[in-house]
Amino acid sequence: MDQNKIIKGKEIDFIKELGLEDMPLEEQGKLIERMANVVNERIILKAMEKLSDEDAKQVNADLVIGDTEEALKIMDEKIPNFDLIISEEIEKFQEEMLK
């Protein structure tokens, strides 16, 4: 899965908000990937706290083999308001980046 998938639609905001529009596109891409990785890790950590041990083990196993799509599917199915966790973590990250 593309690491930018969870924060899709937010990457342009980060670049503009941080005043990095003049940065070469390749550099922007690398920065977006690093930011996406950080946000993804935060989302996963927060979500894992809300899963049963069995579901957490399955999500972890999926992540280890690189099946992020299946891991996200499980989290979305098993965690009420998973989309809210995603939004909150993106917002927190944005606030931290803009400080």
PDB file of N, CA and C in Angstrom:
ATOM      1  N   MET A   1       0.840  -1.192   0.000  1.00  0.00           N
ATOM      2  CA  MET A   1       0.000   0.000   0.000  1.00  0.00           C
ATOM      3  C   MET A   1       0.873   1.239   0.000  1.00  0.00           C
ATOM      4  N   ASP A   2       0.461   2.208  -0.732  1.00  0.00           N
ATOM      5  CA  ASP A   2       1.153   3.488  -0.779  1.00  0.00           C
ATOM      6  C   ASP A   2       1.101   4.135   0.598  1.00  0.00           C
ATOM      7  N   GLN A   3       2.255   4.511   1.132  1.00  0.00           N
ATOM      8  CA  GLN A   3       2.324   5.100   2.466  1.00  0.00           C
ATOM      9  C   GLN A   3       1.529   6.389   2.580  1.00  0.00           C
ATOM     10  N   ASN A   4       1.249   7.054   1.482  1.00  0.00           N
ATOM     11  CA  ASN A   4       0.507   8.312   1.527  1.00  0.00           C
ATOM     12  C   ASN A   4      -0.996   8.102   1.590  1.00  0.00           C
ATOM     13  N   LYS A   5      -1.455   6.849   1.484  1.00  0.00           N
ATOM     14  CA  LYS A   5      -2.886   6.583   1.371  1.00  0.00           C
ATOM     15  C   LYS A   5      -3.676   7.118   2.563  1.00  0.00           C
ATOM     16  N   ILE A   6      -3.185   6.920   3.773  1.00  0.00           N
ATOM     17  CA  ILE A   6      -3.937   7.357   4.943  1.00  0.00           C
ATOM     18  C   ILE A   6      -4.076   8.869   4.977  1.00  0.00           C
ATOM     19  N   ILE A   7      -3.050   9.589   4.579  1.00  0.00           N
ATOM     20  CA  ILE A   7      -3.150  11.047   4.646  1.00  0.00           C
ATOM     21  C   ILE A   7      -3.436  11.649   3.275  1.00  0.00           C
ATOM     22  N   LYS A   8      -3.967  10.841   2.381  1.00  0.00           N
ATOM     23  CA  LYS A   8      -4.289  11.316   1.036  1.00  0.00           C
ATOM     24  C   LYS A   8      -5.106  12.596   1.121  1.00  0.00           C
ATOM     25  N   GLY A   9      -4.728  13.571   0.353  1.00  0.00           N
ATOM     26  CA  GLY A   9      -5.439  14.830   0.354  1.00  0.00           C
ATOM     27  C   GLY A   9      -4.845  15.840   1.306  1.00  0.00           C
ATOM     28  N   LYS A  10      -4.019  15.396   2.220  1.00  0.00           N
ATOM     29  CA  LYS A  10      -3.415  16.298   3.186  1.00  0.00           C
ATOM     30  C   LYS A  10      -2.005  16.712   2.779  1.00  0.00           C
ATOM     31  N   GLU A  11      -1.364  15.935   1.887  1.00  0.00           N
ATOM     32  CA  GLU A  11       0.024  16.226   1.571  1.00  0.00           C
ATOM     33  C   GLU A  11       0.223  17.611   0.968  1.00  0.00           C
ATOM     34  N   ILE A  12      -0.668  18.044   0.118  1.00  0.00           N
ATOM     35  CA  ILE A  12      -0.542  19.370  -0.488  1.00  0.00           C
ATOM     36  C   ILE A  12      -0.673  20.440   0.585  1.00  0.00           C
ATOM     37  N   ASP A  13      -1.580  20.243   1.514  1.00  0.00           N
ATOM     38  CA  ASP A  13      -1.737  21.189   2.615  1.00  0.00           C
ATOM     39  C   ASP A  13      -0.431  21.320   3.402  1.00  0.00           C
ATOM     40  N   PHE A  14       0.214  20.208   3.695  1.00  0.00           N
ATOM     41  CA  PHE A  14       1.474  20.263   4.434  1.00  0.00           C
ATOM     42  C   PHE A  14       2.500  21.093   3.671  1.00  0.00           C
ATOM     43  N   ILE A  15       2.644  20.821   2.411  1.00  0.00           N
ATOM     44  CA  ILE A  15       3.642  21.524   1.614  1.00  0.00           C
ATOM     45  C   ILE A  15       3.355  23.025   1.600  1.00  0.00           C
ATOM     46  N   LYS A  16       2.109  23.391   1.359  1.00  0.00           N
ATOM     47  CA  LYS A  16       1.743  24.806   1.331  1.00  0.00           C
ATOM     48  C   LYS A  16       1.859  25.438   2.713  1.00  0.00           C
ATOM     49  N   GLU A  17       1.318  24.771   3.711  1.00  0.00           N
ATOM     50  CA  GLU A  17       1.325  25.322   5.069  1.00  0.00           C
ATOM     51  C   GLU A  17       2.739  25.518   5.597  1.00  0.00           C
ATOM     52  N   LEU A  18       3.632  24.648   5.199  1.00  0.00           N
ATOM     53  CA  LEU A  18       5.014  24.749   5.670  1.00  0.00           C
ATOM     54  C   LEU A  18       5.858  25.650   4.765  1.00  0.00           C
ATOM     55  N   GLY A  19       5.237  26.203   3.728  1.00  0.00           N
ATOM     56  CA  GLY A  19       5.944  27.114   2.831  1.00  0.00           C
ATOM     57  C   GLY A  19       7.009  26.427   1.999  1.00  0.00           C
ATOM     58  N   LEU A  20       6.734  25.203   1.587  1.00  0.00           N
ATOM     59  CA  LEU A  20       7.739  24.417   0.868  1.00  0.00           C
ATOM     60  C   LEU A  20       7.417  24.236  -0.608  1.00  0.00           C
ATOM     61  N   GLU A  21       6.554  25.092  -1.143  1.00  0.00           N
ATOM     62  CA  GLU A  21       6.157  24.946  -2.549  1.00  0.00           C
ATOM     63  C   GLU A  21       7.336  25.054  -3.502  1.00  0.00           C
ATOM     64  N   ASP A  22       8.363  25.815  -3.129  1.00  0.00           N
ATOM     65  CA  ASP A  22       9.517  26.009  -4.009  1.00  0.00           C
ATOM     66  C   ASP A  22      10.540  24.875  -3.914  1.00  0.00           C
ATOM     67  N   MET A  23      10.321  23.977  -2.996  1.00  0.00           N
ATOM     68  CA  MET A  23      11.214  22.826  -2.851  1.00  0.00           C
ATOM     69  C   MET A  23      11.055  21.946  -4.098  1.00  0.00           C
ATOM     70  N   PRO A  24      12.148  21.390  -4.597  1.00  0.00           N
ATOM     71  CA  PRO A  24      12.043  20.498  -5.756  1.00  0.00           C
ATOM     72  C   PRO A  24      11.034  19.372  -5.483  1.00  0.00           C
ATOM     73  N   LEU A  25      10.316  18.986  -6.517  1.00  0.00           N
ATOM     74  CA  LEU A  25       9.265  17.974  -6.368  1.00  0.00           C
ATOM     75  C   LEU A  25       9.785  16.673  -5.765  1.00  0.00           C
ATOM     76  N   GLU A  26      10.979  16.275  -6.145  1.00  0.00           N
ATOM     77  CA  GLU A  26      11.545  15.040  -5.597  1.00  0.00           C
ATOM     78  C   GLU A  26      11.721  15.162  -4.083  1.00  0.00           C
ATOM     79  N   GLU A  27      12.195  16.320  -3.640  1.00  0.00           N
ATOM     80  CA  GLU A  27      12.373  16.564  -2.201  1.00  0.00           C
ATOM     81  C   GLU A  27      11.017  16.600  -1.504  1.00  0.00           C
ATOM     82  N   GLN A  28      10.024  17.221  -2.144  1.00  0.00           N
ATOM     83  CA  GLN A  28       8.677  17.255  -1.577  1.00  0.00           C
ATOM     84  C   GLN A  28       8.154  15.838  -1.392  1.00  0.00           C
ATOM     85  N   GLY A  29       8.380  15.013  -2.402  1.00  0.00           N
ATOM     86  CA  GLY A  29       7.936  13.626  -2.336  1.00  0.00           C
ATOM     87  C   GLY A  29       8.559  12.876  -1.173  1.00  0.00           C
ATOM     88  N   LYS A  30       9.857  13.085  -0.973  1.00  0.00           N
ATOM     89  CA  LYS A  30      10.545  12.429   0.140  1.00  0.00           C
ATOM     90  C   LYS A  30       9.998  12.918   1.476  1.00  0.00           C
ATOM     91  N   LEU A  31       9.751  14.223   1.578  1.00  0.00           N
ATOM     92  CA  LEU A  31       9.208  14.794   2.805  1.00  0.00           C
ATOM     93  C   LEU A  31       7.810  14.263   3.077  1.00  0.00           C
ATOM     94  N   ILE A  32       6.998  14.199   2.046  1.00  0.00           N
ATOM     95  CA  ILE A  32       5.635  13.674   2.197  1.00  0.00           C
ATOM     96  C   ILE A  32       5.674  12.224   2.657  1.00  0.00           C
ATOM     97  N   GLU A  33       6.564  11.450   2.083  1.00  0.00           N
ATOM     98  CA  GLU A  33       6.676  10.037   2.475  1.00  0.00           C
ATOM     99  C   GLU A  33       7.069   9.903   3.944  1.00  0.00           C
ATOM    100  N   ARG A  34       8.024  10.718   4.381  1.00  0.00           N
ATOM    101  CA  ARG A  34       8.437  10.668   5.797  1.00  0.00           C
ATOM    102  C   ARG A  34       7.286  11.084   6.706  1.00  0.00           C
ATOM    103  N   MET A  35       6.569  12.131   6.323  1.00  0.00           N
ATOM    104  CA  MET A  35       5.437  12.578   7.141  1.00  0.00           C
ATOM    105  C   MET A  35       4.340  11.515   7.170  1.00  0.00           C
ATOM    106  N   ALA A  36       4.074  10.909   6.030  1.00  0.00           N
ATOM    107  CA  ALA A  36       3.058   9.856   5.960  1.00  0.00           C
ATOM    108  C   ALA A  36       3.435   8.685   6.851  1.00  0.00           C
ATOM    109  N   ASN A  37       4.705   8.320   6.850  1.00  0.00           N
ATOM    110  CA  ASN A  37       5.160   7.218   7.706  1.00  0.00           C
ATOM    111  C   ASN A  37       4.935   7.529   9.176  1.00  0.00           C
ATOM    112  N   VAL A  38       5.246   8.755   9.574  1.00  0.00           N
ATOM    113  CA  VAL A  38       5.062   9.153  10.973  1.00  0.00           C
ATOM    114  C   VAL A  38       3.579   9.090  11.345  1.00  0.00           C
ATOM    115  N   VAL A  39       2.732   9.660  10.492  1.00  0.00           N
ATOM    116  CA  VAL A  39       1.289   9.667  10.772  1.00  0.00           C
ATOM    117  C   VAL A  39       0.754   8.239  10.784  1.00  0.00           C
ATOM    118  N   ASN A  40       1.161   7.424   9.828  1.00  0.00           N
ATOM    119  CA  ASN A  40       0.712   6.027   9.786  1.00  0.00           C
ATOM    120  C   ASN A  40       1.098   5.285  11.061  1.00  0.00           C
ATOM    121  N   GLU A  41       2.323   5.473  11.519  1.00  0.00           N
ATOM    122  CA  GLU A  41       2.767   4.802  12.743  1.00  0.00           C
ATOM    123  C   GLU A  41       1.933   5.241  13.938  1.00  0.00           C
ATOM    124  N   ARG A  42       1.647   6.523  14.030  1.00  0.00           N
ATOM    125  CA  ARG A  42       0.826   7.034  15.130  1.00  0.00           C
ATOM    126  C   ARG A  42      -0.584   6.454  15.088  1.00  0.00           C
ATOM    127  N   ILE A  43      -1.148   6.394  13.896  1.00  0.00           N
ATOM    128  CA  ILE A  43      -2.496   5.841  13.748  1.00  0.00           C
ATOM    129  C   ILE A  43      -2.506   4.374  14.160  1.00  0.00           C
ATOM    130  N   ILE A  44      -1.531   3.640  13.694  1.00  0.00           N
ATOM    131  CA  ILE A  44      -1.466   2.213  14.011  1.00  0.00           C
ATOM    132  C   ILE A  44      -1.287   2.002  15.512  1.00  0.00           C
ATOM    133  N   LEU A  45      -0.392   2.755  16.132  1.00  0.00           N
ATOM    134  CA  LEU A  45      -0.190   2.609  17.575  1.00  0.00           C
ATOM    135  C   LEU A  45      -1.462   2.911  18.351  1.00  0.00           C
ATOM    136  N   LYS A  46      -2.142   3.977  17.992  1.00  0.00           N
ATOM    137  CA  LYS A  46      -3.382   4.358  18.664  1.00  0.00           C
ATOM    138  C   LYS A  46      -4.448   3.284  18.452  1.00  0.00           C
ATOM    139  N   ALA A  47      -4.541   2.791  17.235  1.00  0.00           N
ATOM    140  CA  ALA A  47      -5.547   1.783  16.909  1.00  0.00           C
ATOM    141  C   ALA A  47      -5.265   0.457  17.621  1.00  0.00           C
ATOM    142  N   MET A  48      -4.006   0.070  17.710  1.00  0.00           N
ATOM    143  CA  MET A  48      -3.655  -1.201  18.345  1.00  0.00           C
ATOM    144  C   MET A  48      -4.113  -1.240  19.800  1.00  0.00           C
ATOM    145  N   GLU A  49      -4.128  -0.094  20.467  1.00  0.00           N
ATOM    146  CA  GLU A  49      -4.580  -0.017  21.853  1.00  0.00           C
ATOM    147  C   GLU A  49      -6.051  -0.388  21.979  1.00  0.00           C
ATOM    148  N   LYS A  50      -6.805  -0.208  20.923  1.00  0.00           N
ATOM    149  CA  LYS A  50      -8.244  -0.417  20.955  1.00  0.00           C
ATOM    150  C   LYS A  50      -8.669  -1.796  20.454  1.00  0.00           C
ATOM    151  N   LEU A  51      -7.724  -2.576  19.958  1.00  0.00           N
ATOM    152  CA  LEU A  51      -8.031  -3.906  19.433  1.00  0.00           C
ATOM    153  C   LEU A  51      -7.892  -4.972  20.511  1.00  0.00           C
ATOM    154  N   SER A  52      -8.626  -6.053  20.331  1.00  0.00           N
ATOM    155  CA  SER A  52      -8.432  -7.219  21.199  1.00  0.00           C
ATOM    156  C   SER A  52      -7.043  -7.777  20.922  1.00  0.00           C
ATOM    157  N   ASP A  53      -6.538  -8.594  21.815  1.00  0.00           N
ATOM    158  CA  ASP A  53      -5.217  -9.201  21.615  1.00  0.00           C
ATOM    159  C   ASP A  53      -5.162  -9.985  20.305  1.00  0.00           C
ATOM    160  N   GLU A  54      -6.224 -10.719  20.036  1.00  0.00           N
ATOM    161  CA  GLU A  54      -6.266 -11.539  18.818  1.00  0.00           C
ATOM    162  C   GLU A  54      -6.239 -10.661  17.562  1.00  0.00           C
ATOM    163  N   ASP A  55      -7.049  -9.614  17.553  1.00  0.00           N
ATOM    164  CA  ASP A  55      -7.071  -8.719  16.397  1.00  0.00           C
ATOM    165  C   ASP A  55      -5.746  -7.972  16.249  1.00  0.00           C
ATOM    166  N   ALA A  56      -5.166  -7.565  17.365  1.00  0.00           N
ATOM    167  CA  ALA A  56      -3.874  -6.869  17.325  1.00  0.00           C
ATOM    168  C   ALA A  56      -2.793  -7.781  16.744  1.00  0.00           C
ATOM    169  N   LYS A  57      -2.816  -9.050  17.121  1.00  0.00           N
ATOM    170  CA  LYS A  57      -1.845  -9.998  16.572  1.00  0.00           C
ATOM    171  C   LYS A  57      -2.021 -10.145  15.062  1.00  0.00           C
ATOM    172  N   GLN A  58      -3.280 -10.204  14.614  1.00  0.00           N
ATOM    173  CA  GLN A  58      -3.539 -10.341  13.181  1.00  0.00           C
ATOM    174  C   GLN A  58      -3.084  -9.098  12.427  1.00  0.00           C
ATOM    175  N   VAL A  59      -3.390  -7.923  12.971  1.00  0.00           N
ATOM    176  CA  VAL A  59      -2.958  -6.671  12.333  1.00  0.00           C
ATOM    177  C   VAL A  59      -1.435  -6.637  12.258  1.00  0.00           C
ATOM    178  N   ASN A  60      -0.790  -6.976  13.353  1.00  0.00           N
ATOM    179  CA  ASN A  60       0.674  -6.986  13.382  1.00  0.00           C
ATOM    180  C   ASN A  60       1.233  -7.961  12.351  1.00  0.00           C
ATOM    181  N   ALA A  61       0.647  -9.138  12.262  1.00  0.00           N
ATOM    182  CA  ALA A  61       1.100 -10.131  11.281  1.00  0.00           C
ATOM    183  C   ALA A  61       0.936  -9.594   9.861  1.00  0.00           C
ATOM    184  N   ASP A  62      -0.190  -8.946   9.607  1.00  0.00           N
ATOM    185  CA  ASP A  62      -0.418  -8.365   8.277  1.00  0.00           C
ATOM    186  C   ASP A  62       0.614  -7.281   7.974  1.00  0.00           C
ATOM    187  N   LEU A  63       0.907  -6.449   8.956  1.00  0.00           N
ATOM    188  CA  LEU A  63       1.885  -5.382   8.750  1.00  0.00           C
ATOM    189  C   LEU A  63       3.279  -5.941   8.504  1.00  0.00           C
ATOM    190  N   VAL A  64       3.631  -7.007   9.204  1.00  0.00           N
ATOM    191  CA  VAL A  64       4.952  -7.627   9.044  1.00  0.00           C
ATOM    192  C   VAL A  64       5.144  -8.149   7.622  1.00  0.00           C
ATOM    193  N   ILE A  65       4.088  -8.723   7.055  1.00  0.00           N
ATOM    194  CA  ILE A  65       4.213  -9.249   5.691  1.00  0.00           C
ATOM    195  C   ILE A  65       3.926  -8.186   4.630  1.00  0.00           C
ATOM    196  N   GLY A  66       3.622  -6.985   5.078  1.00  0.00           N
ATOM    197  CA  GLY A  66       3.408  -5.887   4.141  1.00  0.00           C
ATOM    198  C   GLY A  66       1.986  -5.756   3.627  1.00  0.00           C
ATOM    199  N   ASP A  67       1.046  -6.442   4.241  1.00  0.00           N
ATOM    200  CA  ASP A  67      -0.354  -6.372   3.814  1.00  0.00           C
ATOM    201  C   ASP A  67      -1.084  -5.281   4.596  1.00  0.00           C
ATOM    202  N   THR A  68      -0.707  -4.039   4.306  1.00  0.00           N
ATOM    203  CA  THR A  68      -1.279  -2.897   5.013  1.00  0.00           C
ATOM    204  C   THR A  68      -2.760  -2.761   4.725  1.00  0.00           C
ATOM    205  N   GLU A  69      -3.174  -3.109   3.511  1.00  0.00           N
ATOM    206  CA  GLU A  69      -4.592  -3.030   3.146  1.00  0.00           C
ATOM    207  C   GLU A  69      -5.437  -3.886   4.098  1.00  0.00           C
ATOM    208  N   GLU A  70      -5.001  -5.113   4.346  1.00  0.00           N
ATOM    209  CA  GLU A  70      -5.750  -6.011   5.234  1.00  0.00           C
ATOM    210  C   GLU A  70      -5.715  -5.504   6.674  1.00  0.00           C
ATOM    211  N   ALA A  71      -4.571  -4.985   7.097  1.00  0.00           N
ATOM    212  CA  ALA A  71      -4.455  -4.434   8.446  1.00  0.00           C
ATOM    213  C   ALA A  71      -5.431  -3.274   8.636  1.00  0.00           C
ATOM    214  N   LEU A  72      -5.486  -2.381   7.656  1.00  0.00           N
ATOM    215  CA  LEU A  72      -6.411  -1.249   7.727  1.00  0.00           C
ATOM    216  C   LEU A  72      -7.865  -1.710   7.711  1.00  0.00           C
ATOM    217  N   LYS A  73      -8.133  -2.732   6.932  1.00  0.00           N
ATOM    218  CA  LYS A  73      -9.493  -3.276   6.862  1.00  0.00           C
ATOM    219  C   LYS A  73      -9.926  -3.800   8.234  1.00  0.00           C
ATOM    220  N   ILE A  74      -9.049  -4.532   8.888  1.00  0.00           N
ATOM    221  CA  ILE A  74      -9.365  -5.063  10.220  1.00  0.00           C
ATOM    222  C   ILE A  74      -9.596  -3.920  11.207  1.00  0.00           C
ATOM    223  N   MET A  75      -8.700  -2.940  11.198  1.00  0.00           N
ATOM    224  CA  MET A  75      -8.846  -1.820  12.127  1.00  0.00           C
ATOM    225  C   MET A  75     -10.142  -1.066  11.867  1.00  0.00           C
ATOM    226  N   ASP A  76     -10.466  -0.876  10.603  1.00  0.00           N
ATOM    227  CA  ASP A  76     -11.688  -0.159  10.256  1.00  0.00           C
ATOM    228  C   ASP A  76     -12.929  -0.927  10.710  1.00  0.00           C
ATOM    229  N   GLU A  77     -12.894  -2.257  10.565  1.00  0.00           N
ATOM    230  CA  GLU A  77     -14.037  -3.087  10.956  1.00  0.00           C
ATOM    231  C   GLU A  77     -14.172  -3.221  12.472  1.00  0.00           C
ATOM    232  N   LYS A  78     -13.065  -3.298  13.163  1.00  0.00           N
ATOM    233  CA  LYS A  78     -13.090  -3.624  14.590  1.00  0.00           C
ATOM    234  C   LYS A  78     -13.088  -2.411  15.524  1.00  0.00           C
ATOM    235  N   ILE A  79     -12.713  -1.256  15.004  1.00  0.00           N
ATOM    236  CA  ILE A  79     -12.592  -0.078  15.869  1.00  0.00           C
ATOM    237  C   ILE A  79     -13.676   0.927  15.500  1.00  0.00           C
ATOM    238  N   PRO A  80     -14.597   1.148  16.452  1.00  0.00           N
ATOM    239  CA  PRO A  80     -15.608   2.173  16.175  1.00  0.00           C
ATOM    240  C   PRO A  80     -14.915   3.523  15.967  1.00  0.00           C
ATOM    241  N   ASN A  81     -15.376   4.266  15.007  1.00  0.00           N
ATOM    242  CA  ASN A  81     -14.837   5.596  14.720  1.00  0.00           C
ATOM    243  C   ASN A  81     -13.352   5.582  14.364  1.00  0.00           C
ATOM    244  N   PHE A  82     -12.922   4.556  13.653  1.00  0.00           N
ATOM    245  CA  PHE A  82     -11.528   4.484  13.230  1.00  0.00           C
ATOM    246  C   PHE A  82     -11.161   5.704  12.394  1.00  0.00           C
ATOM    247  N   ASP A  83     -12.100   6.167  11.593  1.00  0.00           N
ATOM    248  CA  ASP A  83     -11.853   7.356  10.774  1.00  0.00           C
ATOM    249  C   ASP A  83     -11.584   8.583  11.643  1.00  0.00           C
ATOM    250  N   LEU A  84     -12.186   8.624  12.831  1.00  0.00           N
ATOM    251  CA  LEU A  84     -11.937   9.729  13.754  1.00  0.00           C
ATOM    252  C   LEU A  84     -10.502   9.669  14.285  1.00  0.00           C
ATOM    253  N   ILE A  85     -10.005   8.481  14.564  1.00  0.00           N
ATOM    254  CA  ILE A  85      -8.614   8.318  14.997  1.00  0.00           C
ATOM    255  C   ILE A  85      -7.680   8.853  13.916  1.00  0.00           C
ATOM    256  N   ILE A  86      -7.972   8.509  12.680  1.00  0.00           N
ATOM    257  CA  ILE A  86      -7.148   8.973  11.557  1.00  0.00           C
ATOM    258  C   ILE A  86      -7.157  10.499  11.500  1.00  0.00           C
ATOM    259  N   SER A  87      -8.335  11.075  11.543  1.00  0.00           N
ATOM    260  CA  SER A  87      -8.454  12.537  11.476  1.00  0.00           C
ATOM    261  C   SER A  87      -7.737  13.221  12.628  1.00  0.00           C
ATOM    262  N   GLU A  88      -7.895  12.688  13.840  1.00  0.00           N
ATOM    263  CA  GLU A  88      -7.256  13.286  15.017  1.00  0.00           C
ATOM    264  C   GLU A  88      -5.741  13.234  14.919  1.00  0.00           C
ATOM    265  N   GLU A  89      -5.210  12.108  14.476  1.00  0.00           N
ATOM    266  CA  GLU A  89      -3.762  11.972  14.374  1.00  0.00           C
ATOM    267  C   GLU A  89      -3.195  12.875  13.282  1.00  0.00           C
ATOM    268  N   ILE A  90      -3.916  13.019  12.189  1.00  0.00           N
ATOM    269  CA  ILE A  90      -3.477  13.938  11.132  1.00  0.00           C
ATOM    270  C   ILE A  90      -3.476  15.363  11.659  1.00  0.00           C
ATOM    271  N   GLU A  91      -4.537  15.731  12.354  1.00  0.00           N
ATOM    272  CA  GLU A  91      -4.642  17.088  12.901  1.00  0.00           C
ATOM    273  C   GLU A  91      -3.535  17.366  13.924  1.00  0.00           C
ATOM    274  N   LYS A  92      -3.286  16.407  14.806  1.00  0.00           N
ATOM    275  CA  LYS A  92      -2.204  16.579  15.794  1.00  0.00           C
ATOM    276  C   LYS A  92      -0.857  16.771  15.097  1.00  0.00           C
ATOM    277  N   PHE A  93      -0.630  15.955  14.081  1.00  0.00           N
ATOM    278  CA  PHE A  93       0.640  16.052  13.352  1.00  0.00           C
ATOM    279  C   PHE A  93       0.768  17.406  12.672  1.00  0.00           C
ATOM    280  N   GLN A  94      -0.290  17.845  12.043  1.00  0.00           N
ATOM    281  CA  GLN A  94      -0.275  19.153  11.376  1.00  0.00           C
ATOM    282  C   GLN A  94       0.050  20.247  12.375  1.00  0.00           C
ATOM    283  N   GLU A  95      -0.595  20.220  13.533  1.00  0.00           N
ATOM    284  CA  GLU A  95      -0.356  21.233  14.557  1.00  0.00           C
ATOM    285  C   GLU A  95       1.109  21.217  14.996  1.00  0.00           C
ATOM    286  N   GLU A  96       1.662  20.033  15.195  1.00  0.00           N
ATOM    287  CA  GLU A  96       3.059  19.907  15.606  1.00  0.00           C
ATOM    288  C   GLU A  96       3.996  20.447  14.522  1.00  0.00           C
ATOM    289  N   MET A  97       3.698  20.139  13.283  1.00  0.00           N
ATOM    290  CA  MET A  97       4.556  20.573  12.181  1.00  0.00           C
ATOM    291  C   MET A  97       4.525  22.093  12.007  1.00  0.00           C
ATOM    292  N   LEU A  98       3.398  22.687  12.294  1.00  0.00           N
ATOM    293  CA  LEU A  98       3.234  24.125  12.076  1.00  0.00           C
ATOM    294  C   LEU A  98       3.718  24.967  13.252  1.00  0.00           C
ATOM    295  N   LYS A  99       4.064  24.315  14.351  1.00  0.00           N
ATOM    296  CA  LYS A  99       4.566  25.059  15.515  1.00  0.00           C
ATOM    297  C   LYS A  99       6.018  25.433  15.331  1.00  0.00           C
TER     298      LYS A  99
END
